[in-house]
Amino acid sequence: TCYSPTGALLAANSACCGLTAVTFFATNLDKSLYERWHPLGLHLVPGLWAALVALNNPSLLPPAVLQQLAQALAAAGGWL
């Protein structure tokens, strides 16, 4: 979250982090909230958060590894 490339992404990442944390603590402290909020706060929001990070940040893999993966996929005829 702190390494977000823009202010807008930092705000979105922070919101996702906050929603996930609040949902986690709220559903553990008050079990009556679990059925309604667990799927949204602990499945949907983290999935969107992961997509934001994956689409808007540089790869964690070194460029040489990405190039080798691309060559291996091309040699195999596409996705395995």
C-alpha atoms as a PDB file:
ATOM      1  CA  THR A   1       0.000   0.000   0.000  1.00  0.00           C
ATOM      2  CA  CYS A   2       2.784   2.447   0.848  1.00  0.00           C
ATOM      3  CA  TYR A   3       4.492   1.812  -2.503  1.00  0.00           C
ATOM      4  CA  SER A   4       1.503   2.875  -4.607  1.00  0.00           C
ATOM      5  CA  PRO A   5       2.629   4.713  -7.764  1.00  0.00           C
ATOM      6  CA  THR A   6      -0.033   7.462  -7.531  1.00  0.00           C
ATOM      7  CA  GLY A   7      -2.077   9.172  -4.866  1.00  0.00           C
ATOM      8  CA  ALA A   8      -5.317   7.752  -6.269  1.00  0.00           C
ATOM      9  CA  LEU A   9      -3.959   4.212  -6.079  1.00  0.00           C
ATOM     10  CA  LEU A  10      -2.694   4.855  -2.560  1.00  0.00           C
ATOM     11  CA  ALA A  11      -6.217   5.953  -1.580  1.00  0.00           C
ATOM     12  CA  ALA A  12      -7.779   2.884  -3.233  1.00  0.00           C
ATOM     13  CA  ASN A  13      -5.228   0.512  -1.674  1.00  0.00           C
ATOM     14  CA  SER A  14      -5.690   2.125   1.733  1.00  0.00           C
ATOM     15  CA  ALA A  15      -9.477   1.842   1.450  1.00  0.00           C
ATOM     16  CA  CYS A  16      -9.205  -1.850   0.561  1.00  0.00           C
ATOM     17  CA  CYS A  17      -6.816  -2.425   3.445  1.00  0.00           C
ATOM     18  CA  GLY A  18      -9.123  -0.624   5.861  1.00  0.00           C
ATOM     19  CA  LEU A  19     -12.268  -2.407   4.672  1.00  0.00           C
ATOM     20  CA  THR A  20     -10.588  -5.791   4.923  1.00  0.00           C
ATOM     21  CA  ALA A  21      -9.231  -5.098   8.419  1.00  0.00           C
ATOM     22  CA  VAL A  22     -12.510  -3.660   9.731  1.00  0.00           C
ATOM     23  CA  THR A  23     -14.476  -6.588   8.305  1.00  0.00           C
ATOM     24  CA  PHE A  24     -12.068  -9.094   9.824  1.00  0.00           C
ATOM     25  CA  PHE A  25     -12.267  -7.592  13.306  1.00  0.00           C
ATOM     26  CA  ALA A  26     -16.001  -6.838  13.172  1.00  0.00           C
ATOM     27  CA  THR A  27     -16.964 -10.340  12.044  1.00  0.00           C
ATOM     28  CA  ASN A  28     -14.755 -11.910  14.701  1.00  0.00           C
ATOM     29  CA  LEU A  29     -16.087  -9.714  17.492  1.00  0.00           C
ATOM     30  CA  ASP A  30     -19.768  -9.907  16.488  1.00  0.00           C
ATOM     31  CA  LYS A  31     -20.652 -13.281  14.982  1.00  0.00           C
ATOM     32  CA  SER A  32     -24.056 -11.994  13.820  1.00  0.00           C
ATOM     33  CA  LEU A  33     -22.247  -9.892  11.187  1.00  0.00           C
ATOM     34  CA  TYR A  34     -20.356 -12.853   9.753  1.00  0.00           C
ATOM     35  CA  GLU A  35     -22.890 -14.161   7.219  1.00  0.00           C
ATOM     36  CA  ARG A  36     -23.547 -10.750   5.695  1.00  0.00           C
ATOM     37  CA  TRP A  37     -20.103  -9.099   5.694  1.00  0.00           C
ATOM     38  CA  HIS A  38     -17.543 -11.916   5.515  1.00  0.00           C
ATOM     39  CA  PRO A  39     -17.958 -12.644   1.767  1.00  0.00           C
ATOM     40  CA  LEU A  40     -17.737  -8.969   0.820  1.00  0.00           C
ATOM     41  CA  GLY A  41     -14.971  -7.814   3.139  1.00  0.00           C
ATOM     42  CA  LEU A  42     -12.822 -10.919   3.158  1.00  0.00           C
ATOM     43  CA  HIS A  43     -13.269 -12.271  -0.380  1.00  0.00           C
ATOM     44  CA  LEU A  44     -14.500  -9.584  -2.776  1.00  0.00           C
ATOM     45  CA  VAL A  45     -12.485  -6.610  -1.477  1.00  0.00           C
ATOM     46  CA  PRO A  46      -9.153  -8.508  -1.256  1.00  0.00           C
ATOM     47  CA  GLY A  47      -9.707  -9.805  -4.800  1.00  0.00           C
ATOM     48  CA  LEU A  48     -10.262  -6.291  -6.105  1.00  0.00           C
ATOM     49  CA  TRP A  49      -7.276  -5.088  -4.096  1.00  0.00           C
ATOM     50  CA  ALA A  50      -5.045  -7.786  -5.618  1.00  0.00           C
ATOM     51  CA  ALA A  51      -6.258  -6.840  -9.107  1.00  0.00           C
ATOM     52  CA  LEU A  52      -5.455  -3.160  -8.447  1.00  0.00           C
ATOM     53  CA  VAL A  53      -1.953  -4.060  -7.336  1.00  0.00           C
ATOM     54  CA  ALA A  54      -1.313  -6.488 -10.201  1.00  0.00           C
ATOM     55  CA  LEU A  55      -2.564  -4.108 -12.891  1.00  0.00           C
ATOM     56  CA  ASN A  56      -0.983  -0.890 -11.633  1.00  0.00           C
ATOM     57  CA  ASN A  57       2.422  -1.836 -10.226  1.00  0.00           C
ATOM     58  CA  PRO A  58       5.590  -3.165 -11.825  1.00  0.00           C
ATOM     59  CA  SER A  59       6.195  -6.900 -11.735  1.00  0.00           C
ATOM     60  CA  LEU A  60       8.000  -8.400  -8.766  1.00  0.00           C
ATOM     61  CA  LEU A  61       9.772 -10.796 -11.131  1.00  0.00           C
ATOM     62  CA  PRO A  62      12.993  -9.607 -12.773  1.00  0.00           C
ATOM     63  CA  PRO A  63      12.670  -8.800 -16.510  1.00  0.00           C
ATOM     64  CA  ALA A  64      14.941 -11.738 -17.422  1.00  0.00           C
ATOM     65  CA  VAL A  65      12.558 -14.184 -15.722  1.00  0.00           C
ATOM     66  CA  LEU A  66       9.555 -12.659 -17.500  1.00  0.00           C
ATOM     67  CA  GLN A  67      11.360 -12.970 -20.824  1.00  0.00           C
ATOM     68  CA  GLN A  68      12.156 -16.641 -20.170  1.00  0.00           C
ATOM     69  CA  LEU A  69       8.528 -17.305 -19.251  1.00  0.00           C
ATOM     70  CA  ALA A  70       7.317 -15.603 -22.427  1.00  0.00           C
ATOM     71  CA  GLN A  71       9.728 -17.672 -24.541  1.00  0.00           C
ATOM     72  CA  ALA A  72       8.676 -20.896 -22.816  1.00  0.00           C
ATOM     73  CA  LEU A  73       4.989 -20.101 -23.381  1.00  0.00           C
ATOM     74  CA  ALA A  74       5.626 -19.268 -27.035  1.00  0.00           C
ATOM     75  CA  ALA A  75       7.529 -22.533 -27.517  1.00  0.00           C
ATOM     76  CA  ALA A  76       4.666 -24.464 -25.886  1.00  0.00           C
ATOM     77  CA  GLY A  77       2.115 -22.860 -28.195  1.00  0.00           C
ATOM     78  CA  GLY A  78       0.535 -20.500 -25.682  1.00  0.00           C
ATOM     79  CA  TRP A  79      -0.829 -20.885 -22.186  1.00  0.00           C
ATOM     80  CA  LEU A  80      -0.278 -24.277 -20.614  1.00  0.00           C
END
